[in-house]
């Protein structure tokens, strides 16, 4: 059981589950972008300056990348307050943009 599952179970048991869930999961918007979006938008350079590496991840491997490799997949664009998940339409599954410390 992950820490998030434990927190969700405890908060649900004491009646504050909806509040905790909103804090932990802010319901990010999903944006579909072009595969070269990170380079063309300057996102790659910004993250490289902060010692992060960006890469595309198949949706089925996303949880493994998060739990085992410390990757993150939620971005907050400059001048925006709502977090986003950046995806590329692909077959058979979409690709998700992830980042992790190098």
C-alpha atoms as a PDB file:
ATOM      1  CA  UNK A   1       0.000   0.000   0.000  1.00  0.00           C
ATOM      2  CA  UNK A   2       1.434   3.357  -1.000  1.00  0.00           C
ATOM      3  CA  UNK A   3       1.546   6.405   1.258  1.00  0.00           C
ATOM      4  CA  UNK A   4      -1.147   8.036  -0.873  1.00  0.00           C
ATOM      5  CA  UNK A   5      -3.448   5.029  -0.430  1.00  0.00           C
ATOM      6  CA  UNK A   6      -2.876   5.080   3.335  1.00  0.00           C
ATOM      7  CA  UNK A   7      -3.633   8.804   3.566  1.00  0.00           C
ATOM      8  CA  UNK A   8      -6.753   8.357   1.425  1.00  0.00           C
ATOM      9  CA  UNK A   9      -7.982   5.430   3.566  1.00  0.00           C
ATOM     10  CA  UNK A  10      -7.413   7.255   6.855  1.00  0.00           C
ATOM     11  CA  UNK A  11      -8.923  10.513   5.644  1.00  0.00           C
ATOM     12  CA  UNK A  12     -11.936   8.646   4.267  1.00  0.00           C
ATOM     13  CA  UNK A  13     -12.418   6.833   7.569  1.00  0.00           C
ATOM     14  CA  UNK A  14     -12.467  10.087   9.559  1.00  0.00           C
ATOM     15  CA  UNK A  15     -14.640  11.932   7.054  1.00  0.00           C
ATOM     16  CA  UNK A  16     -12.213  14.325   5.377  1.00  0.00           C
ATOM     17  CA  UNK A  17     -11.455  12.257   2.291  1.00  0.00           C
ATOM     18  CA  UNK A  18     -12.871  14.740  -0.196  1.00  0.00           C
ATOM     19  CA  UNK A  19     -10.721  17.561   1.177  1.00  0.00           C
ATOM     20  CA  UNK A  20      -7.516  15.535   1.222  1.00  0.00           C
ATOM     21  CA  UNK A  21      -8.206  14.162  -2.239  1.00  0.00           C
ATOM     22  CA  UNK A  22      -8.591  17.707  -3.618  1.00  0.00           C
ATOM     23  CA  UNK A  23      -5.282  18.736  -2.056  1.00  0.00           C
ATOM     24  CA  UNK A  24      -3.363  15.658  -3.254  1.00  0.00           C
ATOM     25  CA  UNK A  25      -5.116  15.358  -6.644  1.00  0.00           C
ATOM     26  CA  UNK A  26      -5.894  18.839  -7.956  1.00  0.00           C
ATOM     27  CA  UNK A  27      -7.567  17.348 -11.077  1.00  0.00           C
ATOM     28  CA  UNK A  28      -5.053  18.561 -13.632  1.00  0.00           C
ATOM     29  CA  UNK A  29      -6.162  19.389 -17.141  1.00  0.00           C
ATOM     30  CA  UNK A  30      -4.969  17.002 -19.858  1.00  0.00           C
ATOM     31  CA  UNK A  31      -3.476  18.789 -22.862  1.00  0.00           C
ATOM     32  CA  UNK A  32      -2.601  16.985 -26.060  1.00  0.00           C
ATOM     33  CA  UNK A  33       0.507  18.389 -27.700  1.00  0.00           C
ATOM     34  CA  UNK A  34       2.878  17.599 -30.568  1.00  0.00           C
ATOM     35  CA  UNK A  35       5.752  15.200 -29.804  1.00  0.00           C
ATOM     36  CA  UNK A  36       8.278  18.033 -30.274  1.00  0.00           C
ATOM     37  CA  UNK A  37       6.377  20.413 -27.967  1.00  0.00           C
ATOM     38  CA  UNK A  38       8.974  20.278 -25.149  1.00  0.00           C
ATOM     39  CA  UNK A  39      11.763  21.430 -27.482  1.00  0.00           C
ATOM     40  CA  UNK A  40       9.714  23.909 -29.516  1.00  0.00           C
ATOM     41  CA  UNK A  41       8.146  25.568 -26.455  1.00  0.00           C
ATOM     42  CA  UNK A  42      11.421  25.903 -24.529  1.00  0.00           C
ATOM     43  CA  UNK A  43      10.195  23.565 -21.794  1.00  0.00           C
ATOM     44  CA  UNK A  44      13.172  21.223 -22.266  1.00  0.00           C
ATOM     45  CA  UNK A  45      15.715  24.027 -21.838  1.00  0.00           C
ATOM     46  CA  UNK A  46      13.943  25.370 -18.742  1.00  0.00           C
ATOM     47  CA  UNK A  47      13.937  21.959 -17.090  1.00  0.00           C
ATOM     48  CA  UNK A  48      17.523  21.153 -18.122  1.00  0.00           C
ATOM     49  CA  UNK A  49      18.681  24.381 -16.427  1.00  0.00           C
ATOM     50  CA  UNK A  50      17.081  23.071 -13.220  1.00  0.00           C
ATOM     51  CA  UNK A  51      18.773  19.647 -13.646  1.00  0.00           C
ATOM     52  CA  UNK A  52      15.666  17.776 -14.777  1.00  0.00           C
ATOM     53  CA  UNK A  53      15.333  15.452 -17.733  1.00  0.00           C
ATOM     54  CA  UNK A  54      12.115  15.292 -19.769  1.00  0.00           C
ATOM     55  CA  UNK A  55      10.991  12.164 -21.588  1.00  0.00           C
ATOM     56  CA  UNK A  56       7.859  10.587 -23.027  1.00  0.00           C
ATOM     57  CA  UNK A  57       6.410   7.582 -21.212  1.00  0.00           C
ATOM     58  CA  UNK A  58       3.803   5.051 -22.359  1.00  0.00           C
ATOM     59  CA  UNK A  59       0.722   5.376 -20.108  1.00  0.00           C
ATOM     60  CA  UNK A  60       0.968   1.764 -18.963  1.00  0.00           C
ATOM     61  CA  UNK A  61       4.460   2.430 -17.546  1.00  0.00           C
ATOM     62  CA  UNK A  62       3.604   5.745 -15.893  1.00  0.00           C
ATOM     63  CA  UNK A  63       2.930   4.378 -12.405  1.00  0.00           C
ATOM     64  CA  UNK A  64       6.212   2.437 -12.432  1.00  0.00           C
ATOM     65  CA  UNK A  65       8.135   5.568 -13.445  1.00  0.00           C
ATOM     66  CA  UNK A  66       6.488   7.531 -10.631  1.00  0.00           C
ATOM     67  CA  UNK A  67       6.849   4.945  -7.863  1.00  0.00           C
ATOM     68  CA  UNK A  68      10.194   3.357  -8.706  1.00  0.00           C
ATOM     69  CA  UNK A  69      12.078   6.113 -10.514  1.00  0.00           C
ATOM     70  CA  UNK A  70      10.763   9.241  -8.826  1.00  0.00           C
ATOM     71  CA  UNK A  71       9.354  10.705 -12.041  1.00  0.00           C
ATOM     72  CA  UNK A  72       6.663  13.379 -12.006  1.00  0.00           C
ATOM     73  CA  UNK A  73       4.065  14.057 -14.683  1.00  0.00           C
ATOM     74  CA  UNK A  74       2.139  17.138 -13.569  1.00  0.00           C
ATOM     75  CA  UNK A  75       3.292  20.540 -14.796  1.00  0.00           C
ATOM     76  CA  UNK A  76       2.156  24.052 -13.874  1.00  0.00           C
ATOM     77  CA  UNK A  77       2.740  26.286 -16.899  1.00  0.00           C
ATOM     78  CA  UNK A  78       4.084  29.824 -16.368  1.00  0.00           C
ATOM     79  CA  UNK A  79       1.355  32.408 -15.771  1.00  0.00           C
ATOM     80  CA  UNK A  80      -1.199  29.670 -15.031  1.00  0.00           C
ATOM     81  CA  UNK A  81      -2.380  28.288 -11.727  1.00  0.00           C
ATOM     82  CA  UNK A  82      -4.019  25.060 -12.918  1.00  0.00           C
ATOM     83  CA  UNK A  83      -1.712  22.074 -13.283  1.00  0.00           C
ATOM     84  CA  UNK A  84      -1.624  20.130 -16.562  1.00  0.00           C
ATOM     85  CA  UNK A  85      -0.639  16.714 -17.843  1.00  0.00           C
ATOM     86  CA  UNK A  86       0.939  16.847 -21.296  1.00  0.00           C
ATOM     87  CA  UNK A  87       0.167  13.949 -23.627  1.00  0.00           C
ATOM     88  CA  UNK A  88       0.699  12.879 -27.212  1.00  0.00           C
ATOM     89  CA  UNK A  89      -1.888  10.773 -29.017  1.00  0.00           C
ATOM     90  CA  UNK A  90      -0.259   7.478 -29.888  1.00  0.00           C
ATOM     91  CA  UNK A  91      -1.168   3.899 -30.721  1.00  0.00           C
ATOM     92  CA  UNK A  92      -1.928   1.728 -28.804  1.00  0.00           C
ATOM     93  CA  UNK A  93      -1.645   4.077 -25.783  1.00  0.00           C
ATOM     94  CA  UNK A  94      -1.009   7.773 -25.328  1.00  0.00           C
ATOM     95  CA  UNK A  95       2.413   9.019 -24.281  1.00  0.00           C
ATOM     96  CA  UNK A  96       2.742  11.167 -21.153  1.00  0.00           C
ATOM     97  CA  UNK A  97       5.506  13.733 -20.625  1.00  0.00           C
ATOM     98  CA  UNK A  98       7.447  13.012 -17.424  1.00  0.00           C
ATOM     99  CA  UNK A  99      10.393  14.636 -15.718  1.00  0.00           C
ATOM    100  CA  UNK A 100      12.911  13.547 -13.127  1.00  0.00           C
ATOM    101  CA  UNK A 101      16.033  14.904 -11.487  1.00  0.00           C
ATOM    102  CA  UNK A 102      19.267  14.054 -13.291  1.00  0.00           C
END
